Amino acid sequence: MSASWQREGDQEWGPWVMHDGKGCPVRRGTIVEVVCEDRFGYTMRHVSCVDGGAYSSWDWSHYPELKRILRYRERKPRGLSLLEGQLETLDTPAGRTPVAA
């Protein structure tokens, strides 16, 4: 997961990553925004949930039957954002350093 998140509206997104076409580099169930290209050279951008599988646009050996993903970025899970918000409100005893620091 990304360390440098960017807030857009009520969501946080990681940086754009160039894809090499060698399969899916993110976990199943991850929400990603992708830029892909079809057989005619048209590019499109959309948000989807990664479902994995060998036959997918993540694997360029299936191009041009399938689109090919050129770049992607991950959305930070909302649960993680909520948890980070709760951690910020915790008091740490004097003289102790928080674990996340």
C-alpha atoms as a PDB file:
ATOM      1  CA  MET A   1       0.000   0.000   0.000  1.00  0.00           C
ATOM      2  CA  SER A   2       1.048   3.526  -0.652  1.00  0.00           C
ATOM      3  CA  ALA A   3       2.682   5.792   1.909  1.00  0.00           C
ATOM      4  CA  SER A   4       1.806   9.092   0.172  1.00  0.00           C
ATOM      5  CA  TRP A   5      -1.973   9.445  -0.016  1.00  0.00           C
ATOM      6  CA  GLN A   6      -3.788  12.275  -1.779  1.00  0.00           C
ATOM      7  CA  ARG A   7      -7.254  13.368  -0.675  1.00  0.00           C
ATOM      8  CA  GLU A   8      -9.848  13.836  -3.420  1.00  0.00           C
ATOM      9  CA  GLY A   9     -13.289  14.632  -2.044  1.00  0.00           C
ATOM     10  CA  ASP A  10     -14.019  12.134   0.721  1.00  0.00           C
ATOM     11  CA  GLN A  11     -11.524   9.532  -0.576  1.00  0.00           C
ATOM     12  CA  GLU A  12      -7.774   9.125  -0.384  1.00  0.00           C
ATOM     13  CA  TRP A  13      -5.775   7.774  -3.306  1.00  0.00           C
ATOM     14  CA  GLY A  14      -2.201   6.555  -3.636  1.00  0.00           C
ATOM     15  CA  PRO A  15       0.203   7.768  -6.318  1.00  0.00           C
ATOM     16  CA  TRP A  16      -0.108   6.633  -9.931  1.00  0.00           C
ATOM     17  CA  VAL A  17       1.988   3.544 -10.694  1.00  0.00           C
ATOM     18  CA  MET A  18       3.052   2.559 -14.216  1.00  0.00           C
ATOM     19  CA  HIS A  19       2.056  -1.052 -14.904  1.00  0.00           C
ATOM     20  CA  ASP A  20       4.400  -3.527 -16.633  1.00  0.00           C
ATOM     21  CA  GLY A  21       1.712  -5.924 -17.898  1.00  0.00           C
ATOM     22  CA  LYS A  22       3.062  -8.899 -15.955  1.00  0.00           C
ATOM     23  CA  GLY A  23      -0.097  -9.768 -14.032  1.00  0.00           C
ATOM     24  CA  CYS A  24      -1.979  -8.127 -11.205  1.00  0.00           C
ATOM     25  CA  PRO A  25       0.270  -6.448  -8.586  1.00  0.00           C
ATOM     26  CA  VAL A  26      -2.511  -5.604  -6.095  1.00  0.00           C
ATOM     27  CA  ARG A  27      -4.625  -7.745  -3.762  1.00  0.00           C
ATOM     28  CA  ARG A  28      -8.012  -9.091  -4.729  1.00  0.00           C
ATOM     29  CA  GLY A  29     -10.754  -6.794  -3.379  1.00  0.00           C
ATOM     30  CA  THR A  30      -8.645  -3.623  -3.649  1.00  0.00           C
ATOM     31  CA  ILE A  31     -10.397  -0.611  -5.179  1.00  0.00           C
ATOM     32  CA  VAL A  32      -8.242   0.861  -7.938  1.00  0.00           C
ATOM     33  CA  GLU A  33      -8.504   3.568 -10.529  1.00  0.00           C
ATOM     34  CA  VAL A  34      -6.947   2.430 -13.797  1.00  0.00           C
ATOM     35  CA  VAL A  35      -6.017   3.943 -17.114  1.00  0.00           C
ATOM     36  CA  CYS A  36      -6.316   1.331 -19.840  1.00  0.00           C
ATOM     37  CA  GLU A  37      -6.000   1.174 -23.611  1.00  0.00           C
ATOM     38  CA  ASP A  38      -8.156  -0.726 -26.083  1.00  0.00           C
ATOM     39  CA  ARG A  39      -7.123  -2.314 -29.399  1.00  0.00           C
ATOM     40  CA  PHE A  40      -7.823   0.937 -31.273  1.00  0.00           C
ATOM     41  CA  GLY A  41      -5.450   2.969 -29.105  1.00  0.00           C
ATOM     42  CA  TYR A  42      -8.195   4.754 -27.145  1.00  0.00           C
ATOM     43  CA  THR A  43      -7.467   5.248 -23.468  1.00  0.00           C
ATOM     44  CA  MET A  44     -10.037   5.341 -20.714  1.00  0.00           C
ATOM     45  CA  ARG A  45      -9.992   5.844 -16.974  1.00  0.00           C
ATOM     46  CA  HIS A  46     -12.280   4.057 -14.530  1.00  0.00           C
ATOM     47  CA  VAL A  47     -12.592   2.806 -10.954  1.00  0.00           C
ATOM     48  CA  SER A  48     -13.101  -0.890 -10.236  1.00  0.00           C
ATOM     49  CA  CYS A  49     -12.584  -3.620  -7.686  1.00  0.00           C
ATOM     50  CA  VAL A  50      -9.722  -6.037  -8.408  1.00  0.00           C
ATOM     51  CA  ASP A  51     -11.021  -9.574  -8.755  1.00  0.00           C
ATOM     52  CA  GLY A  52      -7.806 -11.265  -9.844  1.00  0.00           C
ATOM     53  CA  GLY A  53      -7.614 -14.159 -12.245  1.00  0.00           C
ATOM     54  CA  ALA A  54      -5.102 -15.024 -14.943  1.00  0.00           C
ATOM     55  CA  TYR A  55      -7.317 -13.848 -17.830  1.00  0.00           C
ATOM     56  CA  SER A  56      -7.485 -10.115 -17.201  1.00  0.00           C
ATOM     57  CA  SER A  57      -6.370  -6.723 -18.484  1.00  0.00           C
ATOM     58  CA  TRP A  58      -3.526  -6.810 -15.950  1.00  0.00           C
ATOM     59  CA  ASP A  59      -1.804  -9.456 -18.131  1.00  0.00           C
ATOM     60  CA  TRP A  60      -0.844  -7.895 -21.457  1.00  0.00           C
ATOM     61  CA  SER A  61      -0.483 -11.276 -23.177  1.00  0.00           C
ATOM     62  CA  HIS A  62      -4.298 -11.119 -23.623  1.00  0.00           C
ATOM     63  CA  TYR A  63      -4.090  -7.843 -25.564  1.00  0.00           C
ATOM     64  CA  PRO A  64      -5.854  -6.981 -27.953  1.00  0.00           C
ATOM     65  CA  GLU A  65      -8.734  -9.305 -26.920  1.00  0.00           C
ATOM     66  CA  LEU A  66      -8.784  -7.461 -23.606  1.00  0.00           C
ATOM     67  CA  LYS A  67      -7.769  -3.907 -22.812  1.00  0.00           C
ATOM     68  CA  ARG A  68      -4.376  -3.421 -21.219  1.00  0.00           C
ATOM     69  CA  ILE A  69      -3.920  -1.506 -17.992  1.00  0.00           C
ATOM     70  CA  LEU A  70      -1.221   1.144 -18.381  1.00  0.00           C
ATOM     71  CA  ARG A  71      -1.247   2.688 -14.910  1.00  0.00           C
ATOM     72  CA  TYR A  72      -3.200   2.415 -11.687  1.00  0.00           C
ATOM     73  CA  ARG A  73      -3.583   3.826  -8.205  1.00  0.00           C
ATOM     74  CA  GLU A  74      -5.098   2.329  -5.067  1.00  0.00           C
ATOM     75  CA  ARG A  75      -7.849   3.820  -2.916  1.00  0.00           C
ATOM     76  CA  LYS A  76      -7.179   3.821   0.797  1.00  0.00           C
ATOM     77  CA  PRO A  77      -9.732   1.568   2.516  1.00  0.00           C
ATOM     78  CA  ARG A  78     -12.248   3.623   4.522  1.00  0.00           C
ATOM     79  CA  GLY A  79     -11.756   1.373   7.539  1.00  0.00           C
ATOM     80  CA  LEU A  80      -8.053   2.239   7.559  1.00  0.00           C
ATOM     81  CA  SER A  81      -8.844   5.966   7.433  1.00  0.00           C
ATOM     82  CA  LEU A  82     -11.264   5.579  10.358  1.00  0.00           C
ATOM     83  CA  LEU A  83      -8.700   3.623  12.368  1.00  0.00           C
ATOM     84  CA  GLU A  84      -5.985   6.221  11.722  1.00  0.00           C
ATOM     85  CA  GLY A  85      -8.387   8.936  12.887  1.00  0.00           C
ATOM     86  CA  GLN A  86      -9.027   7.062  16.142  1.00  0.00           C
ATOM     87  CA  LEU A  87      -5.302   6.562  16.741  1.00  0.00           C
ATOM     88  CA  GLU A  88      -4.704  10.302  16.442  1.00  0.00           C
ATOM     89  CA  THR A  89      -7.092  10.949  19.324  1.00  0.00           C
ATOM     90  CA  LEU A  90      -5.448   8.501  21.748  1.00  0.00           C
ATOM     91  CA  ASP A  91      -3.476   9.968  24.612  1.00  0.00           C
ATOM     92  CA  THR A  92      -0.015   8.564  25.184  1.00  0.00           C
ATOM     93  CA  PRO A  93       1.427   8.488  28.683  1.00  0.00           C
ATOM     94  CA  ALA A  94       4.098  11.141  29.395  1.00  0.00           C
ATOM     95  CA  GLY A  95       7.585  10.064  28.449  1.00  0.00           C
ATOM     96  CA  ARG A  96       6.431   7.442  25.956  1.00  0.00           C
ATOM     97  CA  THR A  97       6.768   7.704  22.221  1.00  0.00           C
ATOM     98  CA  PRO A  98       3.795   6.573  20.106  1.00  0.00           C
ATOM     99  CA  VAL A  99       4.484   3.416  18.092  1.00  0.00           C
ATOM    100  CA  ALA A 100       3.471   5.067  14.800  1.00  0.00           C
ATOM    101  CA  ALA A 101       6.009   7.892  15.228  1.00  0.00           C
END
